[in-house]
Amino acid sequence: MAGNRVERVVVMVQENHTTDNYFRGLAPYGANVATDWPVQANPPAADQPHDRHAYYAWLTGTHKATRTQFDTARVLPFYAYLALTGAFLENHCSGFGTNSTPNHLLIVGGQSPTLRNPSGTAPPPVWDLPSIPGLAQDAGIGWRCYTGSGNYPVGFYQQLHGSSNLVPNPHFIAEAAAGTLPALCYLWHDSPEDEHPPADVTVGMNRIWQSVDAVVKSGGWDETVFLLTWDDWGGWDDHVTTPNLEHTPDGIQLAYGPRVPLLMFGGPVKAGIDSRWCNHAGIPKTVMQLLGLPTLGVDRVDNDPGLADLIDPAVHNPAPPAYGTAITLPTPPQPPQQPAPLPAPPSTVSSPVGPVILRGGGTLPPPDDVPLKTGKP
């Protein structure tokens, strides 16, 4: 993106929470979040179903998702601070209505050949898909993926599989502290630092806080843009009905999935609650915009508007509080702000999900490996 001062983009992906589940505490500031659901104990007692079948049952009203909310200011104060001092994309959605792996792949490359998590016993699949790290590599831009066990999820990409740029996630803090992070970083964590139930969510927040703090202490805050999101809904409820833009061959909504948080923050990011519709495909598009990368060849990404308009070279946000120090949240406006109305959907027509594009121009069939019995022909 011409004219900005962004030297580094850091994409951080945590696990399994909706916008209502995490950000109840933003209601006094005007966020469109539920406020009257029971407070969720931390850590939660168990995980809950959140695969494609559970999503369909929730979508059709035959399954009640877990309708509870964490005490944002008490257990997630750093996230509350980032949301209130950076950009809080309140109507960001998981890319697909299903569970983890497809949504991780959407964040990395805008598409997924599967609607399920791969088997834990069979060898992991490897697909020759385009990806943002691969696009950066082809453009001569430095990148590194700081992954959890098994190089998940970037080990599924043939171009990235076995790369020396796939490193264990503890390296992120060490390299940030040393000032040696590349221009593009993706960061994942293992349990309990990924916040996947039944993990203590404050543990994961603290790991993100330490990671951001390492960038700050090395002097990199002012030229870094962070995009922090959660992969999928995790079986938690959310009160907002999301646009039906893509469907599987059985006619069931695929995109958008449920709302999940997206926080965009850093030195040059314009602060505020942003109500536009966006989804996981917009994350790779934003990386492309900020780092000046060419098109990916995936329509879902290339045609996304991205979020580069939230960067202002004239903005120099103060760095967040140092790790472990007291956090004081901004005073809520008086009288309390009312939420913005939901924007019009990007389209009023739902299209069939298209084929999966491979590097070199080949294709795979559209993802359809979780058939749902709907009674439709």
Protein backbone atom coordinates (compact mmCIF):
# COMPACT_ATOMS: atom_id res chain seq x y z
CA MET A 1 0.00 0.00 0.00
CA ALA A 2 1.67 3.19 -1.16
CA GLY A 3 2.34 5.89 1.38
CA ASN A 4 2.19 3.86 4.57
CA ARG A 5 5.02 3.20 6.98
CA VAL A 6 4.15 -0.41 7.72
CA GLU A 7 7.25 -2.58 7.82
CA ARG A 8 5.78 -5.65 9.45
CA VAL A 9 2.45 -7.47 9.67
CA VAL A 10 1.84 -9.99 12.44
CA VAL A 11 -1.18 -12.30 12.15
CA MET A 12 -2.06 -14.02 15.44
CA VAL A 13 -4.64 -16.84 15.47
CA GLN A 14 -6.21 -18.12 18.68
CA GLU A 15 -9.01 -20.66 19.10
CA ASN A 16 -12.73 -21.09 19.51
CA HIS A 17 -14.60 -18.03 20.78
CA THR A 18 -17.32 -15.77 19.41
CA THR A 19 -17.58 -12.01 19.68
CA ASP A 20 -20.44 -12.19 22.21
CA ASN A 21 -18.60 -14.82 24.25
CA TYR A 22 -15.47 -12.66 24.70
CA PHE A 23 -16.42 -8.99 24.42
CA ARG A 24 -19.50 -8.40 26.57
CA GLY A 25 -17.47 -5.67 28.33
CA LEU A 26 -17.44 -3.47 25.20
CA ALA A 27 -21.19 -2.80 25.30
CA PRO A 28 -20.84 0.52 27.23
CA TYR A 29 -18.57 1.75 24.43
CA GLY A 30 -21.15 1.04 21.72
CA ALA A 31 -20.24 -2.46 20.57
CA ASN A 32 -23.01 -4.69 19.25
CA VAL A 33 -22.69 -7.47 21.83
CA ALA A 34 -25.09 -9.33 24.08
CA THR A 35 -25.00 -8.19 27.71
CA ASP A 36 -27.40 -10.38 29.67
CA TRP A 37 -26.13 -13.92 29.28
CA PRO A 38 -24.70 -15.85 32.26
CA VAL A 39 -21.06 -15.14 33.11
CA GLN A 40 -18.78 -17.97 31.97
CA ALA A 41 -16.49 -19.51 34.58
CA ASN A 42 -12.82 -19.45 33.67
CA PRO A 43 -11.52 -21.96 32.78
CA PRO A 44 -14.57 -23.48 31.11
CA ALA A 45 -15.39 -27.00 32.23
CA ALA A 46 -15.24 -28.59 28.76
CA ASP A 47 -15.13 -28.14 25.02
CA GLN A 48 -18.43 -28.30 23.13
CA PRO A 49 -19.40 -29.54 19.67
CA HIS A 50 -18.51 -27.04 16.95
CA ASP A 51 -17.96 -28.98 13.72
CA ARG A 52 -20.02 -28.64 10.54
CA HIS A 53 -22.83 -30.82 11.92
CA ALA A 54 -23.05 -28.79 15.13
CA TYR A 55 -23.01 -25.57 13.12
CA TYR A 56 -25.91 -26.79 10.95
CA ALA A 57 -27.90 -27.80 14.03
CA TRP A 58 -27.27 -24.34 15.53
CA LEU A 59 -28.13 -22.62 12.25
CA THR A 60 -31.45 -24.44 12.03
CA GLY A 61 -32.35 -24.03 15.71
CA THR A 62 -32.14 -27.71 16.69
CA HIS A 63 -29.02 -27.22 18.83
CA LYS A 64 -28.53 -24.54 21.45
CA ALA A 65 -24.95 -23.33 21.50
CA THR A 66 -23.39 -22.39 24.82
CA ARG A 67 -24.86 -18.98 25.66
CA THR A 68 -22.40 -17.63 28.22
CA GLN A 69 -19.95 -14.74 28.32
CA PHE A 70 -16.56 -14.19 29.93
CA ASP A 71 -16.07 -11.18 32.17
CA THR A 72 -14.02 -9.21 29.65
CA ALA A 73 -12.38 -6.67 31.98
CA ARG A 74 -11.58 -9.22 34.68
CA VAL A 75 -10.21 -12.21 32.73
CA LEU A 76 -9.29 -10.60 29.37
CA PRO A 77 -8.16 -7.05 30.25
CA PHE A 78 -5.39 -6.84 27.64
CA TYR A 79 -7.81 -7.84 24.89
CA ALA A 80 -10.29 -5.23 26.13
CA TYR A 81 -7.50 -2.62 26.01
CA LEU A 82 -6.50 -3.59 22.46
CA ALA A 83 -10.12 -3.51 21.30
CA LEU A 84 -10.68 -0.05 22.77
CA THR A 85 -7.43 1.55 21.61
CA GLY A 86 -7.15 -0.17 18.21
CA ALA A 87 -9.76 -1.22 15.66
CA PHE A 88 -12.43 -3.64 16.88
CA LEU A 89 -14.06 -5.31 13.86
CA GLU A 90 -17.32 -6.20 15.59
CA ASN A 91 -18.90 -7.92 12.57
CA HIS A 92 -15.91 -10.01 11.56
CA CYS A 93 -16.90 -13.61 10.83
CA SER A 94 -15.21 -16.96 10.58
CA GLY A 95 -14.71 -17.73 6.92
CA PHE A 96 -16.74 -20.95 6.92
CA GLY A 97 -19.42 -22.24 9.27
CA THR A 98 -17.52 -25.21 10.66
CA ASN A 99 -14.54 -25.94 12.91
CA SER A 100 -10.80 -25.30 13.01
CA THR A 101 -8.80 -26.50 10.02
CA PRO A 102 -10.88 -24.95 7.20
CA ASN A 103 -10.85 -21.59 8.96
CA HIS A 104 -7.10 -21.69 9.60
CA LEU A 105 -6.60 -22.40 5.90
CA LEU A 106 -8.82 -19.44 4.99
CA ILE A 107 -6.65 -17.17 7.13
CA VAL A 108 -3.50 -18.44 5.41
CA GLY A 109 -4.74 -18.67 1.82
CA GLY A 110 -8.44 -17.89 1.51
CA GLN A 111 -9.72 -21.38 0.69
CA SER A 112 -10.00 -24.93 2.03
CA PRO A 113 -10.42 -28.30 0.29
CA THR A 114 -12.07 -29.70 3.44
CA LEU A 115 -14.84 -28.82 5.87
CA ARG A 116 -13.48 -30.96 8.69
CA ASN A 117 -10.36 -31.45 10.74
CA PRO A 118 -8.06 -34.09 9.21
CA SER A 119 -7.74 -37.45 10.92
CA GLY A 120 -5.46 -37.54 13.91
CA THR A 121 -4.22 -41.04 13.01
CA ALA A 122 -3.73 -40.92 9.22
CA PRO A 123 -0.83 -39.02 7.64
CA PRO A 124 -1.74 -35.34 7.31
CA PRO A 125 -2.85 -34.17 3.86
CA VAL A 126 -0.61 -31.92 1.80
CA TRP A 127 -2.22 -29.73 -0.86
CA ASP A 128 -0.52 -27.56 -3.49
CA LEU A 129 -2.49 -24.47 -2.53
CA PRO A 130 -1.39 -20.86 -2.88
CA SER A 131 -0.74 -19.12 0.43
CA ILE A 132 0.24 -15.71 1.72
CA PRO A 133 3.61 -16.92 3.05
CA GLY A 134 4.30 -18.53 -0.33
CA LEU A 135 3.27 -15.34 -2.12
CA ALA A 136 5.65 -13.35 0.09
CA GLN A 137 8.44 -15.83 -0.63
CA ASP A 138 7.89 -15.54 -4.38
CA ALA A 139 8.00 -11.74 -4.04
CA GLY A 140 11.29 -11.80 -2.10
CA ILE A 141 9.67 -10.62 1.15
CA GLY A 142 10.80 -12.21 4.41
CA TRP A 143 8.30 -14.38 6.27
CA ARG A 144 8.10 -16.85 9.10
CA CYS A 145 5.31 -18.98 10.56
CA TYR A 146 5.57 -19.62 14.29
CA THR A 147 3.51 -22.77 14.65
CA GLY A 148 2.18 -25.23 17.14
CA SER A 149 2.84 -28.95 17.12
CA GLY A 150 3.12 -30.61 13.72
CA ASN A 151 3.54 -27.24 11.95
CA TYR A 152 -0.25 -26.90 12.06
CA PRO A 153 -1.78 -25.57 9.86
CA VAL A 154 0.86 -24.44 7.36
CA GLY A 155 2.32 -27.93 7.08
CA PHE A 156 -0.67 -28.73 4.85
CA TYR A 157 0.76 -26.49 2.09
CA GLN A 158 3.12 -28.24 -0.33
CA GLN A 159 5.11 -25.06 -1.00
CA LEU A 160 5.63 -24.49 2.75
CA HIS A 161 5.91 -28.09 3.94
CA GLY A 162 9.34 -28.69 5.45
CA SER A 163 10.43 -25.05 5.10
CA SER A 164 13.00 -23.75 7.58
CA ASN A 165 10.68 -20.76 7.99
CA LEU A 166 8.23 -22.93 9.93
CA VAL A 167 9.50 -22.68 13.49
CA PRO A 168 8.11 -23.45 16.97
CA ASN A 169 6.05 -20.62 18.42
CA PRO A 170 8.38 -19.82 21.37
CA HIS A 171 10.80 -18.41 18.78
CA PHE A 172 8.46 -15.48 18.18
CA ILE A 173 9.11 -13.76 21.50
CA ALA A 174 12.86 -14.39 21.29
CA GLU A 175 13.11 -13.01 17.73
CA ALA A 176 10.81 -10.09 18.52
CA ALA A 177 12.98 -9.18 21.49
CA ALA A 178 16.06 -9.37 19.28
CA GLY A 179 14.45 -7.19 16.61
CA THR A 180 14.83 -9.89 13.95
CA LEU A 181 11.21 -10.58 13.00
CA PRO A 182 10.62 -10.68 9.23
CA ALA A 183 8.09 -8.52 7.38
CA LEU A 184 5.37 -11.20 7.57
CA CYS A 185 4.72 -13.28 10.66
CA TYR A 186 1.97 -15.78 11.40
CA LEU A 187 1.68 -16.98 15.02
CA TRP A 188 -0.21 -19.96 16.45
CA HIS A 189 -0.05 -21.57 19.88
CA ASP A 190 -0.59 -24.96 21.48
CA SER A 191 -2.92 -25.62 24.40
CA PRO A 192 -3.39 -23.99 26.87
CA GLU A 193 -1.96 -20.86 25.23
CA ASP A 194 -4.34 -21.12 22.25
CA GLU A 195 -7.44 -20.54 24.46
CA HIS A 196 -9.11 -23.69 23.12
CA PRO A 197 -11.60 -24.92 25.75
CA PRO A 198 -11.11 -26.10 28.45
CA ALA A 199 -8.03 -23.85 28.68
CA ASP A 200 -7.86 -20.89 31.05
CA VAL A 201 -8.35 -18.05 28.58
CA THR A 202 -6.20 -15.65 30.60
CA VAL A 203 -3.20 -17.91 29.95
CA GLY A 204 -3.61 -17.43 26.19
CA MET A 205 -4.20 -13.70 26.55
CA ASN A 206 -1.01 -13.41 28.58
CA ARG A 207 0.97 -15.18 25.86
CA ILE A 208 -0.36 -12.72 23.27
CA TRP A 209 0.47 -9.87 25.66
CA GLN A 210 4.05 -11.13 26.06
CA SER A 211 4.37 -11.42 22.27
CA VAL A 212 3.16 -7.86 21.66
CA ASP A 213 5.32 -6.58 24.50
CA ALA A 214 8.43 -8.14 22.96
CA VAL A 215 7.77 -6.19 19.75
CA VAL A 216 7.23 -3.00 21.75
CA LYS A 217 10.41 -3.39 23.80
CA SER A 218 12.51 -3.93 20.68
CA GLY A 219 11.25 -0.66 19.22
CA GLY A 220 9.00 -2.22 16.57
CA TRP A 221 5.57 -1.02 17.69
CA ASP A 222 5.27 2.07 15.53
CA GLU A 223 5.80 0.30 12.19
CA THR A 224 3.99 -2.98 13.02
CA VAL A 225 0.36 -3.88 12.30
CA PHE A 226 -1.12 -6.76 14.30
CA LEU A 227 -4.21 -8.73 13.24
CA LEU A 228 -5.49 -10.90 16.11
CA THR A 229 -8.40 -13.26 15.49
CA TRP A 230 -9.95 -16.55 16.58
CA ASP A 231 -10.34 -19.41 14.14
CA ASP A 232 -13.97 -20.44 14.67
CA TRP A 233 -17.01 -20.19 16.92
CA GLY A 234 -16.08 -23.10 19.19
CA GLY A 235 -19.71 -23.95 19.93
CA TRP A 236 -20.36 -20.62 21.71
CA ASP A 237 -23.46 -18.67 20.80
CA ASP A 238 -23.56 -15.25 19.12
CA HIS A 239 -26.71 -13.18 18.69
CA VAL A 240 -25.96 -11.77 15.22
CA THR A 241 -27.17 -13.58 12.10
CA THR A 242 -24.39 -13.46 9.51
CA PRO A 243 -24.83 -13.02 5.74
CA ASN A 244 -25.37 -16.13 3.63
CA LEU A 245 -22.94 -15.54 0.75
CA GLU A 246 -21.80 -19.07 -0.12
CA HIS A 247 -23.40 -22.47 0.28
CA THR A 248 -22.37 -26.09 -0.14
CA PRO A 249 -23.99 -28.35 -2.78
CA ASP A 250 -26.63 -29.41 -0.22
CA GLY A 251 -27.79 -25.79 -0.01
CA ILE A 252 -26.50 -25.05 3.50
CA GLN A 253 -24.83 -21.75 4.36
CA LEU A 254 -21.05 -22.02 4.41
CA ALA A 255 -19.91 -18.40 4.37
CA TYR A 256 -20.02 -16.37 6.37
CA GLY A 257 -19.66 -18.43 9.51
CA PRO A 258 -20.51 -17.06 12.97
CA ARG A 259 -18.96 -13.84 14.27
CA VAL A 260 -15.52 -14.19 15.84
CA PRO A 261 -13.37 -11.33 17.15
CA LEU A 262 -10.85 -9.50 15.02
CA LEU A 263 -8.61 -6.87 16.62
CA MET A 264 -6.35 -4.77 14.40
CA PHE A 265 -3.82 -2.70 16.31
CA GLY A 266 -0.34 -1.21 16.16
CA GLY A 267 1.35 2.15 15.74
CA PRO A 268 -0.48 3.37 12.59
CA VAL A 269 -3.93 1.77 13.11
CA LYS A 270 -6.99 4.04 13.34
CA ALA A 271 -8.90 3.27 16.53
CA GLY A 272 -12.62 2.67 16.83
CA ILE A 273 -15.43 0.15 16.66
CA ASP A 274 -15.82 -0.80 13.01
CA SER A 275 -19.17 -2.31 11.99
CA ARG A 276 -18.45 -3.44 8.42
CA TRP A 277 -18.98 -7.07 7.47
CA CYS A 278 -15.66 -8.86 7.03
CA ASN A 279 -14.39 -12.40 7.25
CA HIS A 280 -11.24 -14.50 7.40
CA ALA A 281 -10.51 -14.06 3.67
CA GLY A 282 -9.98 -10.38 4.37
CA ILE A 283 -6.99 -11.12 6.58
CA PRO A 284 -4.73 -12.39 3.76
CA LYS A 285 -6.02 -9.56 1.55
CA THR A 286 -5.03 -7.00 4.18
CA VAL A 287 -1.56 -8.53 4.42
CA MET A 288 -1.24 -8.26 0.64
CA GLN A 289 -2.29 -4.61 0.72
CA LEU A 290 0.06 -3.62 3.53
CA LEU A 291 3.11 -5.45 2.17
CA GLY A 292 2.49 -4.62 -1.50
CA LEU A 293 2.03 -8.24 -2.60
CA PRO A 294 0.54 -9.18 -5.98
CA THR A 295 -2.76 -11.05 -6.37
CA LEU A 296 -3.00 -14.54 -4.91
CA GLY A 297 -5.16 -16.10 -7.64
CA VAL A 298 -7.98 -16.91 -5.19
CA ASP A 299 -11.10 -14.85 -5.91
CA ARG A 300 -12.30 -14.94 -2.31
CA VAL A 301 -9.11 -13.10 -1.32
CA ASP A 302 -8.31 -11.04 -4.41
CA ASN A 303 -11.82 -9.57 -4.57
CA ASP A 304 -12.08 -8.84 -0.85
CA PRO A 305 -11.89 -5.11 -0.02
CA GLY A 306 -9.40 -5.72 2.81
CA LEU A 307 -8.81 -3.46 5.78
CA ALA A 308 -5.93 -1.27 4.63
CA ASP A 309 -8.13 1.80 5.02
CA LEU A 310 -7.65 1.43 8.78
CA ILE A 311 -4.00 2.45 8.39
CA ASP A 312 -3.13 6.13 8.71
CA PRO A 313 0.55 7.10 8.36
CA ALA A 314 -0.15 10.19 10.47
CA VAL A 315 -1.29 8.09 13.45
CA HIS A 316 1.28 7.18 16.11
CA ASN A 317 -0.60 5.25 18.77
CA PRO A 318 1.06 4.89 22.16
CA ALA A 319 2.29 1.40 22.93
CA PRO A 320 0.10 -0.75 25.20
CA PRO A 321 0.96 -1.33 28.87
CA ALA A 322 4.02 -3.48 29.51
CA TYR A 323 3.35 -7.13 30.23
CA GLY A 324 2.20 -7.73 33.77
CA THR A 325 1.48 -4.10 34.62
CA ALA A 326 -1.90 -2.69 35.59
CA ILE A 327 -4.30 -1.99 32.74
CA THR A 328 -6.62 1.00 32.88
CA LEU A 329 -9.36 0.90 30.28
CA PRO A 330 -10.68 4.10 28.68
CA THR A 331 -13.67 5.63 30.46
CA PRO A 332 -16.93 4.65 28.74
CA PRO A 333 -18.77 7.51 27.08
CA GLN A 334 -21.71 9.10 28.88
CA PRO A 335 -24.40 8.50 28.03
CA PRO A 336 -23.40 5.03 26.80
CA GLN A 337 -23.02 4.70 23.04
CA GLN A 338 -25.72 2.81 21.18
CA PRO A 339 -24.55 0.06 18.81
CA ALA A 340 -24.43 0.85 15.13
CA PRO A 341 -27.12 -0.87 13.04
CA LEU A 342 -25.99 -3.91 11.13
CA PRO A 343 -24.76 -2.90 7.68
CA ALA A 344 -26.35 -4.27 4.53
CA PRO A 345 -24.85 -7.63 3.55
CA PRO A 346 -22.16 -7.58 0.84
CA SER A 347 -24.61 -9.45 -1.41
CA THR A 348 -28.22 -10.55 -1.24
CA VAL A 349 -27.47 -13.66 -3.28
CA SER A 350 -25.85 -16.84 -1.97
CA SER A 351 -23.57 -18.51 -4.51
CA PRO A 352 -22.38 -22.13 -4.63
CA VAL A 353 -18.91 -22.51 -3.16
CA GLY A 354 -16.46 -22.74 -6.04
CA PRO A 355 -13.60 -25.12 -6.86
CA VAL A 356 -10.37 -24.93 -4.90
CA ILE A 357 -7.57 -23.30 -6.89
CA LEU A 358 -4.16 -24.96 -6.95
CA ARG A 359 -0.81 -23.38 -7.67
CA GLY A 360 -0.18 -23.61 -11.39
CA GLY A 361 -3.84 -23.28 -12.30
CA GLY A 362 -5.31 -26.70 -11.52
CA THR A 363 -8.36 -27.16 -9.32
CA LEU A 364 -9.87 -29.47 -6.74
CA PRO A 365 -13.62 -29.97 -6.35
CA PRO A 366 -15.45 -27.57 -4.05
CA PRO A 367 -15.25 -28.63 -0.38
CA ASP A 368 -18.13 -31.03 0.23
CA ASP A 369 -16.82 -33.70 2.60
CA VAL A 370 -19.41 -33.14 5.36
CA PRO A 371 -22.79 -33.90 3.77
CA LEU A 372 -25.80 -32.75 5.79
CA LYS A 373 -29.23 -34.38 5.65
CA THR A 374 -31.53 -31.47 4.95
CA GLY A 375 -34.43 -32.99 3.10
CA LYS A 376 -33.54 -30.90 0.05
CA PRO A 377 -33.13 -32.55 -3.38
